[in-house]
Protein backbone atom coordinates (compact mmCIF):
# COMPACT_ATOMS: atom_id res chain seq x y z
CA MET A 1 -31.09 24.97 -24.74
CA GLU A 2 -29.61 24.26 -28.20
CA GLU A 3 -27.16 27.16 -27.81
CA GLU A 4 -23.44 26.98 -28.58
CA PRO A 5 -21.59 27.37 -25.25
CA THR A 6 -18.76 29.92 -25.20
CA VAL A 7 -15.14 28.88 -24.62
CA GLU A 8 -15.26 30.55 -21.15
CA GLU A 9 -18.40 28.58 -20.20
CA MET A 10 -16.84 25.29 -21.30
CA ARG A 11 -13.63 26.04 -19.39
CA ALA A 12 -15.62 26.90 -16.26
CA ALA A 13 -17.62 23.64 -16.54
CA ILE A 14 -14.48 21.52 -17.13
CA ARG A 15 -12.73 23.27 -14.21
CA LYS A 16 -15.65 22.47 -11.91
CA GLY A 17 -15.54 18.79 -12.98
CA VAL A 18 -11.76 18.53 -12.54
CA ILE A 19 -11.74 20.14 -9.07
CA SER A 20 -14.54 17.81 -7.89
CA LEU A 21 -12.43 14.86 -9.27
CA LYS A 22 -15.15 13.84 -11.76
CA LEU A 23 -13.17 14.70 -14.89
CA CYS A 24 -9.59 13.95 -15.87
CA PRO A 25 -8.30 16.05 -18.79
CA VAL A 26 -5.91 14.27 -21.21
CA PHE A 27 -3.50 16.12 -23.51
CA CYS A 28 -1.32 14.83 -26.33
CA GLY A 29 2.13 16.19 -26.95
CA SER A 30 5.87 15.67 -26.77
CA ALA A 31 8.23 17.51 -24.46
CA PHE A 32 11.16 16.30 -26.57
CA LYS A 33 9.73 17.91 -29.75
CA ASN A 34 8.18 20.84 -27.79
CA LYS A 35 4.73 20.01 -29.13
CA GLY A 36 1.63 20.62 -27.00
CA VAL A 37 3.64 21.78 -23.98
CA GLN A 38 2.18 25.33 -23.98
CA VAL A 39 -1.36 23.93 -24.29
CA LEU A 40 -0.71 21.70 -21.28
CA LEU A 41 0.68 24.60 -19.20
CA ASP A 42 -2.33 26.76 -20.14
CA ALA A 43 -4.61 23.91 -19.05
CA VAL A 44 -2.91 23.82 -15.62
CA THR A 45 -3.95 27.47 -15.23
CA TYR A 46 -7.47 26.95 -16.58
CA TYR A 47 -8.50 23.73 -14.87
CA LEU A 48 -6.45 22.93 -11.76
CA PRO A 49 -7.32 24.37 -8.33
CA THR A 50 -5.54 27.47 -7.02
CA PRO A 51 -3.70 27.01 -3.68
CA ASP A 52 -6.63 28.44 -1.69
CA GLU A 53 -9.14 26.09 -3.38
CA LYS A 54 -7.39 22.94 -2.15
CA LYS A 55 -7.34 22.06 1.54
CA GLU A 56 -3.89 21.11 2.81
CA HIS A 57 -2.84 19.98 6.27
CA ALA A 58 0.33 19.29 8.24
CA LEU A 59 1.03 17.22 11.37
CA ASN A 60 1.78 19.02 14.63
CA LEU A 61 4.92 17.37 16.03
CA ASP A 62 4.36 18.91 19.49
CA LYS A 63 0.83 17.47 19.81
CA ASN A 64 1.20 13.79 18.90
CA GLU A 65 0.98 14.44 15.12
CA GLU A 66 -2.42 16.12 15.36
CA LYS A 67 -3.66 17.47 12.00
CA VAL A 68 -3.25 21.23 11.46
CA ASP A 69 -4.94 23.04 8.54
CA LEU A 70 -2.63 25.11 6.33
CA PHE A 71 -3.73 28.32 4.60
CA PRO A 72 -2.05 30.11 1.67
CA ASP A 73 -1.65 33.20 3.84
CA ASN A 74 1.60 35.22 3.79
CA THR A 75 1.17 36.42 7.40
CA LYS A 76 1.03 32.92 8.92
CA PRO A 77 4.11 30.85 9.99
CA LEU A 78 6.16 29.38 7.14
CA VAL A 79 5.55 25.76 6.04
CA ALA A 80 7.39 24.61 2.88
CA LEU A 81 8.07 21.15 1.42
CA ALA A 82 11.24 20.13 -0.47
CA PHE A 83 9.93 17.83 -3.21
CA LYS A 84 12.75 17.55 -5.77
CA LEU A 85 16.56 17.76 -5.73
CA GLN A 86 18.81 18.55 -8.67
CA GLN A 87 22.60 18.60 -8.87
CA THR A 88 23.95 21.65 -10.72
CA GLN A 89 27.35 23.27 -11.26
CA PHE A 90 26.56 25.59 -8.30
CA GLY A 91 25.70 22.70 -5.95
CA GLN A 92 22.39 21.15 -4.89
CA LEU A 93 19.25 22.92 -6.11
CA THR A 94 16.24 22.18 -3.90
CA TYR A 95 12.76 22.73 -5.32
CA MET A 96 10.23 23.80 -2.68
CA ARG A 97 6.52 24.39 -2.57
CA VAL A 98 5.52 27.12 -0.07
CA TYR A 99 2.23 25.98 1.49
CA GLN A 100 1.90 28.75 4.08
CA GLY A 101 3.70 31.98 5.04
CA LYS A 102 6.56 33.44 2.99
CA LEU A 103 10.16 32.46 2.33
CA THR A 104 12.75 35.24 2.25
CA SER A 105 16.33 35.11 1.00
CA GLY A 106 18.79 35.40 3.92
CA GLU A 107 16.35 34.21 6.64
CA PHE A 108 16.86 31.17 8.89
CA ILE A 109 14.52 28.18 8.52
CA THR A 110 14.37 24.81 10.34
CA ASN A 111 14.30 21.35 8.78
CA THR A 112 11.79 19.40 10.93
CA THR A 113 13.33 16.04 9.95
CA ASP A 114 16.72 16.60 11.58
CA LYS A 115 15.89 19.85 13.53
CA LYS A 116 18.80 21.68 11.82
CA ARG A 117 18.50 25.46 11.43
CA VAL A 118 19.78 26.66 8.03
CA LYS A 119 20.10 30.00 6.25
CA VAL A 120 18.49 30.53 2.82
CA PRO A 121 21.51 31.84 0.86
CA ARG A 122 19.92 32.15 -2.59
CA LEU A 123 16.32 31.98 -3.74
CA VAL A 124 15.43 31.54 -7.43
CA ARG A 125 12.31 31.32 -9.57
CA MET A 126 12.66 28.64 -12.24
CA HIS A 127 11.44 28.87 -15.81
CA SER A 128 12.51 25.69 -17.60
CA ASP A 129 16.32 25.79 -17.20
CA LYS A 130 16.46 29.57 -16.69
CA MET A 131 16.79 31.03 -13.18
CA GLU A 132 15.68 34.39 -11.89
CA ASP A 133 16.99 35.54 -8.51
CA ILE A 134 14.23 36.72 -6.16
CA ASP A 135 14.23 38.09 -2.60
CA VAL A 136 10.94 36.65 -1.37
CA SER A 137 8.40 33.97 -2.34
CA TYR A 138 4.82 33.82 -1.13
CA ALA A 139 2.29 31.15 -0.12
CA GLY A 140 1.41 28.92 -3.08
CA ASP A 141 4.70 29.55 -4.93
CA ILE A 142 7.06 26.88 -6.22
CA VAL A 143 10.64 28.12 -5.88
CA ALA A 144 14.15 26.71 -5.78
CA VAL A 145 16.85 27.23 -3.15
CA PHE A 146 20.63 26.86 -3.43
CA GLY A 147 22.94 25.92 -0.58
CA ILE A 148 20.59 23.82 1.56
CA ASP A 149 21.51 20.22 2.34
CA CYS A 150 18.33 18.17 2.72
CA ALA A 151 16.47 15.15 1.35
CA SER A 152 13.39 14.88 -0.84
CA GLY A 153 10.24 15.08 1.34
CA ASP A 154 11.74 17.27 4.13
CA THR A 155 9.55 20.02 5.64
CA PHE A 156 10.92 23.50 6.41
CA VAL A 157 9.34 25.89 8.95
CA ASP A 158 10.18 29.11 10.79
CA ASP A 159 10.54 29.47 14.59
CA ARG A 160 6.79 29.87 15.20
CA VAL A 161 5.66 26.30 14.45
CA ASN A 162 6.89 22.70 14.62
CA VAL A 163 4.91 20.81 12.00
CA SER A 164 5.67 18.30 9.25
CA MET A 165 3.89 17.80 5.94
CA GLN A 166 2.44 14.32 5.81
CA SER A 167 5.33 12.18 4.64
CA MET A 168 5.00 10.48 1.25
CA HIS A 169 4.09 6.80 1.37
CA VAL A 170 7.32 4.99 0.53
CA PRO A 171 6.72 1.30 -0.26
CA ASP A 172 9.20 -1.34 0.89
CA ALA A 173 11.92 -2.25 -1.59
CA VAL A 174 11.29 -5.51 -3.45
CA ILE A 175 14.63 -6.21 -5.09
CA SER A 176 18.28 -5.88 -4.08
CA LEU A 177 21.63 -5.99 -5.91
CA ALA A 178 25.16 -6.32 -4.59
CA ILE A 179 27.22 -3.51 -6.09
CA ALA A 180 30.90 -2.48 -5.95
CA PRO A 181 33.19 -0.06 -7.86
CA LYS A 182 35.27 -1.75 -10.59
CA ASP A 183 38.54 -0.13 -9.46
CA LYS A 184 39.91 1.62 -6.37
CA GLN A 185 39.98 5.04 -8.10
CA GLY A 186 36.18 4.98 -8.51
CA ALA A 187 35.48 4.35 -4.80
CA ASN A 188 35.14 8.06 -3.95
CA ASN A 189 32.71 8.77 -6.80
CA PHE A 190 30.86 5.54 -5.97
CA SER A 191 29.97 6.67 -2.44
CA LYS A 192 29.15 10.22 -3.67
CA ALA A 193 26.72 8.79 -6.25
CA LEU A 194 24.98 6.53 -3.73
CA GLN A 195 24.53 9.42 -1.27
CA LYS A 196 23.07 11.67 -3.97
CA PHE A 197 20.67 9.01 -5.30
CA ARG A 198 19.49 8.15 -1.78
CA LYS A 199 18.66 11.78 -1.08
CA GLU A 200 16.72 12.40 -4.25
CA ASP A 201 14.75 9.13 -4.33
CA PRO A 202 13.20 7.77 -1.10
CA THR A 203 12.44 4.38 -2.75
CA PHE A 204 16.17 3.81 -3.40
CA ARG A 205 17.87 2.24 -0.35
CA VAL A 206 21.54 1.56 0.37
CA HIS A 207 22.96 -0.53 3.20
CA ARG A 208 26.13 -2.43 3.96
CA TYR A 209 25.82 -6.15 4.62
CA GLU A 210 28.48 -6.66 7.27
CA GLU A 211 28.65 -10.47 7.04
CA SER A 212 29.80 -10.40 3.43
CA ALA A 213 31.20 -6.80 3.47
CA GLU A 214 29.03 -5.97 0.42
CA THR A 215 27.18 -2.76 -0.45
CA ILE A 216 23.56 -3.63 -1.23
CA ILE A 217 21.22 -1.33 -3.20
CA SER A 218 17.47 -1.96 -3.06
CA GLY A 219 14.63 -0.55 -5.12
CA MET A 220 11.27 -1.07 -6.77
CA GLY A 221 12.34 -3.33 -9.64
CA GLU A 222 15.01 -4.47 -12.07
CA LEU A 223 14.74 -1.40 -14.31
CA HIS A 224 14.80 1.01 -11.34
CA LEU A 225 18.20 -0.29 -10.22
CA GLU A 226 19.54 -0.63 -13.78
CA ILE A 227 18.93 3.11 -14.33
CA TYR A 228 20.96 4.01 -11.23
CA VAL A 229 23.83 1.73 -12.29
CA GLU A 230 23.80 3.45 -15.70
CA ARG A 231 23.69 6.92 -14.09
CA MET A 232 26.76 6.09 -11.99
CA LYS A 233 28.63 5.34 -15.18
CA ARG A 234 27.41 8.43 -17.03
CA GLU A 235 27.20 11.15 -14.35
CA PHE A 236 29.94 10.04 -11.95
CA ASN A 237 32.32 8.29 -14.36
CA CYS A 238 32.23 5.24 -12.08
CA GLU A 239 32.16 1.73 -13.58
CA VAL A 240 30.53 -0.77 -11.21
CA VAL A 241 30.35 -4.54 -10.81
CA VAL A 242 26.82 -5.79 -10.15
CA GLY A 243 26.07 -9.01 -8.25
CA GLN A 244 23.08 -11.33 -8.46
CA PRO A 245 19.69 -9.69 -7.76
CA GLN A 246 18.27 -10.70 -4.41
CA VAL A 247 14.54 -10.76 -3.74
CA ALA A 248 13.20 -9.40 -0.44
CA TYR A 249 11.68 -12.55 1.07
CA ARG A 250 9.99 -12.63 4.48
CA GLU A 251 9.41 -15.36 7.09
CA THR A 252 6.27 -15.97 9.14
CA ILE A 253 4.72 -18.59 11.43
CA GLY A 254 1.85 -20.94 10.61
CA GLN A 255 0.53 -21.87 14.07
CA ALA A 256 0.61 -20.91 17.75
CA ALA A 257 3.38 -22.25 20.01
CA ASP A 258 4.21 -21.87 23.73
CA TYR A 259 7.55 -20.72 25.09
CA ASP A 260 9.02 -21.13 28.57
CA TYR A 261 12.63 -19.99 28.80
CA THR A 262 14.93 -19.32 31.77
CA HIS A 263 18.16 -17.38 31.27
CA LYS A 264 20.73 -18.02 34.02
CA LYS A 265 24.35 -16.96 34.07
CA GLN A 266 26.65 -16.98 37.09
CA THR A 267 30.09 -15.36 36.76
CA GLY A 268 31.50 -14.78 40.25
CA GLY A 269 29.93 -11.33 40.85
CA SER A 270 26.29 -10.47 40.19
CA GLY A 271 24.88 -12.91 37.63
CA GLN A 272 22.03 -12.75 35.17
CA PHE A 273 18.58 -14.22 35.72
CA ALA A 274 15.32 -13.88 33.78
CA LYS A 275 12.40 -16.19 33.05
CA VAL A 276 9.73 -15.56 30.40
CA VAL A 277 6.62 -17.67 29.73
CA GLY A 278 3.94 -17.13 27.10
CA LYS A 279 3.04 -17.94 23.51
CA ILE A 280 3.45 -16.70 19.96
CA GLU A 281 0.77 -16.97 17.27
CA PRO A 282 0.10 -15.72 13.74
CA LEU A 283 -0.93 -12.04 13.76
CA GLN A 284 -4.60 -11.45 12.97
CA PRO A 285 -5.86 -8.17 11.36
CA ASP A 286 -7.16 -5.65 13.91
CA PRO A 287 -10.96 -5.31 13.29
CA GLU A 288 -11.00 -1.87 14.93
CA ASN A 289 -8.14 -0.59 12.77
CA PRO A 290 -8.25 -2.29 9.34
CA ASP A 291 -5.56 0.07 7.93
CA ASP A 292 -3.02 -1.10 10.53
CA LYS A 293 -0.09 -2.53 8.54
CA SER A 294 2.01 -3.57 11.57
CA THR A 295 3.86 -6.89 11.28
CA PHE A 296 4.58 -7.42 14.98
CA ARG A 297 2.38 -7.01 18.08
CA PHE A 298 3.24 -7.56 21.72
CA GLU A 299 0.79 -7.97 24.61
CA ASN A 300 1.70 -8.08 28.28
CA ARG A 301 -0.68 -10.32 30.33
CA VAL A 302 1.54 -10.69 33.41
CA VAL A 303 -0.31 -10.12 36.70
CA GLY A 304 0.76 -9.87 40.32
CA GLY A 305 4.17 -8.36 39.64
CA ARG A 306 5.71 -11.68 38.51
CA ILE A 307 7.95 -9.53 36.25
CA PRO A 308 8.58 -5.92 37.37
CA ARG A 309 7.07 -3.30 35.04
CA GLU A 310 10.47 -1.83 34.12
CA PHE A 311 11.53 -5.15 32.49
CA ILE A 312 8.45 -5.54 30.23
CA PRO A 313 9.86 -3.23 27.46
CA ALA A 314 13.04 -5.37 27.50
CA VAL A 315 10.97 -8.48 26.70
CA GLU A 316 9.23 -6.70 23.79
CA GLU A 317 12.55 -5.36 22.50
CA GLY A 318 14.14 -8.82 22.66
CA PHE A 319 11.35 -10.46 20.62
CA GLN A 320 11.31 -7.61 18.10
CA GLU A 321 15.07 -7.68 17.65
CA GLN A 322 15.02 -11.44 17.06
CA CYS A 323 12.35 -10.93 14.38
CA ALA A 324 14.75 -8.73 12.34
CA LYS A 325 16.51 -11.84 11.01
CA GLY A 326 14.75 -15.19 10.94
CA PRO A 327 16.65 -18.48 11.45
CA LEU A 328 15.00 -20.11 8.42
CA ILE A 329 16.54 -18.08 5.53
CA GLY A 330 17.88 -14.98 7.31
CA PHE A 331 15.08 -12.58 6.29
CA PRO A 332 12.80 -10.54 8.64
CA ILE A 333 9.99 -12.40 10.45
CA VAL A 334 6.55 -10.78 9.98
CA GLY A 335 3.01 -11.47 11.14
CA VAL A 336 3.79 -12.41 14.75
CA GLN A 337 1.68 -11.77 17.86
CA VAL A 338 3.61 -12.31 21.11
CA TYR A 339 1.87 -12.80 24.47
CA LEU A 340 3.83 -12.58 27.72
CA ASP A 341 1.84 -14.52 30.36
CA ASP A 342 4.24 -15.20 33.21
CA GLY A 343 7.85 -15.18 34.31
CA ALA A 344 10.20 -14.80 37.25
CA TYR A 345 12.94 -12.45 38.36
CA HIS A 346 15.70 -12.22 40.94
CA ASP A 347 16.15 -9.17 43.18
CA VAL A 348 19.89 -8.93 42.50
CA ASP A 349 20.61 -10.84 39.29
CA SER A 350 17.72 -9.62 37.09
CA SER A 351 18.36 -6.72 34.73
CA TYR A 352 16.99 -5.14 31.54
CA MET A 353 19.64 -6.93 29.48
CA ALA A 354 18.93 -10.33 31.15
CA PHE A 355 15.23 -10.12 30.13
CA LYS A 356 16.14 -8.99 26.62
CA ILE A 357 18.54 -11.95 26.17
CA ALA A 358 15.94 -14.37 27.61
CA SER A 359 13.30 -13.10 25.13
CA MET A 360 15.63 -13.42 22.14
CA ALA A 361 16.56 -16.97 23.14
CA ALA A 362 12.86 -17.84 23.76
CA MET A 363 11.97 -16.62 20.24
CA ARG A 364 14.78 -18.70 18.68
CA GLU A 365 13.65 -21.79 20.62
CA VAL A 366 9.89 -21.53 19.96
CA TYR A 367 10.13 -20.37 16.32
CA MET A 368 10.71 -23.81 14.77
CA LYS A 369 7.72 -25.26 16.70
CA ALA A 370 5.39 -22.66 15.12
CA LYS A 371 5.59 -24.10 11.56
CA PRO A 372 7.69 -21.31 9.96
CA THR A 373 7.17 -20.60 6.27
CA VAL A 374 8.84 -18.40 3.67
CA LEU A 375 6.83 -15.57 2.08
CA GLU A 376 7.73 -14.28 -1.37
CA PRO A 377 6.77 -10.88 -2.89
CA ILE A 378 3.94 -11.14 -5.42
CA MET A 379 3.76 -8.44 -8.11
CA LYS A 380 0.68 -7.11 -9.86
CA LEU A 381 1.55 -7.42 -13.55
CA GLU A 382 -0.23 -5.66 -16.41
CA THR A 383 0.90 -6.80 -19.87
CA THR A 384 -0.38 -5.15 -23.08
CA VAL A 385 0.12 -7.06 -26.36
CA PRO A 386 -1.48 -7.08 -29.83
CA GLU A 387 -4.33 -9.66 -30.03
CA GLU A 388 -2.35 -12.08 -32.22
CA TYR A 389 0.25 -12.50 -29.46
CA GLN A 390 -2.23 -13.17 -26.62
CA GLY A 391 -1.43 -16.92 -26.57
CA PRO A 392 2.36 -16.66 -26.23
CA ALA A 393 2.08 -13.80 -23.69
CA THR A 394 -0.35 -15.80 -21.51
CA GLY A 395 1.88 -18.87 -21.81
CA GLN A 396 4.90 -16.88 -20.60
CA ILE A 397 3.00 -15.67 -17.53
CA ASN A 398 1.82 -19.21 -16.71
CA GLN A 399 5.40 -20.52 -17.03
CA ARG A 400 6.47 -17.94 -14.45
CA ARG A 401 3.96 -19.26 -11.86
CA GLY A 402 1.64 -16.35 -12.66
CA VAL A 403 -2.11 -16.35 -11.92
CA ILE A 404 -4.18 -14.61 -14.62
CA MET A 405 -6.70 -12.28 -12.91
CA GLY A 406 -8.44 -11.08 -16.05
CA THR A 407 -8.04 -9.95 -19.69
CA THR A 408 -9.48 -6.90 -21.46
CA SER A 409 -9.55 -6.26 -25.22
CA PHE A 410 -9.57 -2.84 -26.84
CA GLU A 411 -8.74 -1.65 -30.38
CA GLY A 412 -6.76 -4.72 -31.41
CA SER A 413 -4.80 -5.00 -28.16
CA VAL A 414 -5.22 -7.21 -25.10
CA VAL A 415 -4.41 -6.20 -21.52
CA ILE A 416 -3.58 -9.24 -19.36
CA GLU A 417 -3.74 -8.65 -15.61
CA ALA A 418 -1.94 -11.20 -13.45
CA GLU A 419 -0.22 -11.78 -10.12
CA VAL A 420 3.30 -13.18 -10.48
CA PRO A 421 6.08 -13.92 -7.96
CA LEU A 422 8.91 -11.38 -8.33
CA THR A 423 11.48 -14.22 -8.28
CA GLU A 424 10.19 -15.38 -11.66
CA MET A 425 10.19 -11.91 -13.28
CA PHE A 426 13.92 -11.57 -14.02
CA GLY A 427 14.49 -11.27 -17.77
CA TYR A 428 10.75 -10.96 -18.48
CA SER A 429 11.12 -7.74 -20.52
CA THR A 430 13.53 -9.45 -22.97
CA ASP A 431 11.32 -12.55 -23.29
CA LEU A 432 8.18 -10.46 -23.85
CA ARG A 433 9.84 -8.34 -26.54
CA SER A 434 11.11 -11.38 -28.44
CA ALA A 435 7.71 -13.15 -28.21
CA THR A 436 5.81 -10.09 -29.52
CA LYS A 437 8.33 -8.68 -32.06
CA GLY A 438 8.93 -5.74 -29.73
CA LYS A 439 5.25 -4.73 -29.59
CA GLY A 440 4.48 -5.99 -26.05
CA GLU A 441 4.83 -3.80 -22.98
CA PHE A 442 4.21 -4.31 -19.27
CA SER A 443 4.03 -2.47 -15.94
CA MET A 444 4.56 -4.04 -12.55
CA GLU A 445 3.94 -3.00 -8.95
CA PHE A 446 4.14 -4.73 -5.58
CA ALA A 447 0.86 -6.38 -4.53
CA LYS A 448 1.39 -8.57 -1.43
CA TYR A 449 3.46 -11.26 0.25
CA SER A 450 2.37 -14.86 -0.20
CA ALA A 451 3.66 -18.28 0.94
CA ALA A 452 6.33 -19.68 -1.37
CA PRO A 453 5.85 -23.25 -2.74
CA ARG A 454 7.48 -26.00 -0.64
CA MET A 455 10.10 -26.81 -3.30
CA ILE A 456 11.34 -23.19 -3.49
CA GLN A 457 11.24 -22.86 0.31
CA ASP A 458 13.41 -25.99 0.75
CA GLU A 459 15.88 -24.65 -1.83
CA LEU A 460 16.17 -21.28 -0.03
CA VAL A 461 16.65 -22.95 3.38
CA LYS A 462 19.36 -25.21 1.93
CA LYS A 463 21.15 -22.21 0.34
CA TYR A 464 21.02 -20.23 3.59
CA GLN A 465 22.38 -23.13 5.65
CA GLN A 466 25.21 -23.64 3.13
CA LYS A 467 26.04 -19.91 3.24
CA ARG A 468 26.18 -19.94 7.05
CA ALA A 469 28.39 -23.05 7.05
CA ASP A 470 30.79 -21.33 4.59
CA GLU A 471 30.92 -18.19 6.74
CA GLN A 472 31.67 -20.24 9.87
CA LYS A 473 34.55 -22.01 8.07
CA LYS A 474 36.06 -18.62 7.22
């Protein structure tokens, strides 16, 4: 029409494009220098959907996680999500988004994760680092609550409903470090820090490895864990000693194999008897459910009551438990389909535990016949370097057993996309910086598990056997 559109018309058109996910606004600025922050906040108001323009749903815990639509309506039952935790001088501050209903100071609400009923002692509206005490918050609000002990991702409801917001997808950890406080005095702060970090970040895992009495922290990469080690020093005044990084390997089987195992034990009184017969084979994707990410499947094909029905779950439990730690390198076994075809039981001597023990022993016995292999985590790597450094950067990736998937050039820079084993990525950031005079940068995320080369597999098996021999000597 050759007419100059007004600012309001342009904003309305951009808003329509953003809400339909066809446009993605980009703003420049710096929070540190307080430049462009107001423009960005105004844009949130202009272009992003209001709470009633975006459909949200929760899962009904009473009806087999059936989807329930949520509405930003103050009269409906309360549904709120804790999405961020912050430690302050007054205790833990929990940021919440109220999806439905209203949240009132002094009322009782229920955490659907642990079913604990808690009182809301203090409700505040946040503006940067300033707090304003409020008595009530309504559907669509983002507020903060003091005095509630919870984790990031917990759902809070009132007595009228029992629903949970769809939990965030938390990927498996890909790297682990052994960690310990430098001195005895720091032990208290050490455990406090780990508990706090675990609550605020679901991708940060902590567990104790009983065999070596070590505390192991796991996360999404080298930098992720380095930041937490640094935070322990700075926020909790706790110096720590860090052990060698350990990669999260997996084990799997390469072919089908049959098992036939009888567990017999006679000890004066009633004994133990169980017999299981069947086969294990590599797990194939389910054509009816392509999104199924399960790593273990069990199928009962026993007919004619050869094994009583009440013992079938014991067989599944036994196989699954044995898959938690493989005999090859001590890592979980994935990608296994177990078939139970036949068996035998004794009226007096058979029990749930007898069938579980028989299944675990059958898995140990058949596993080595099924061509076990080690799987290593493969990372999707995206490296950006100036064009003149493309050669050295590509060479570095090739040296680390990387497979180049593609390269893209734009405005004097090259983006190299590759798939690289995580084992080879330690120290990559330092090498890349020195090869590109500090101008190279990279991002990395988990892609898949893939079979490790024979040489590396043999080395891992040898190390594991040596470790077990040392532990037995002790």
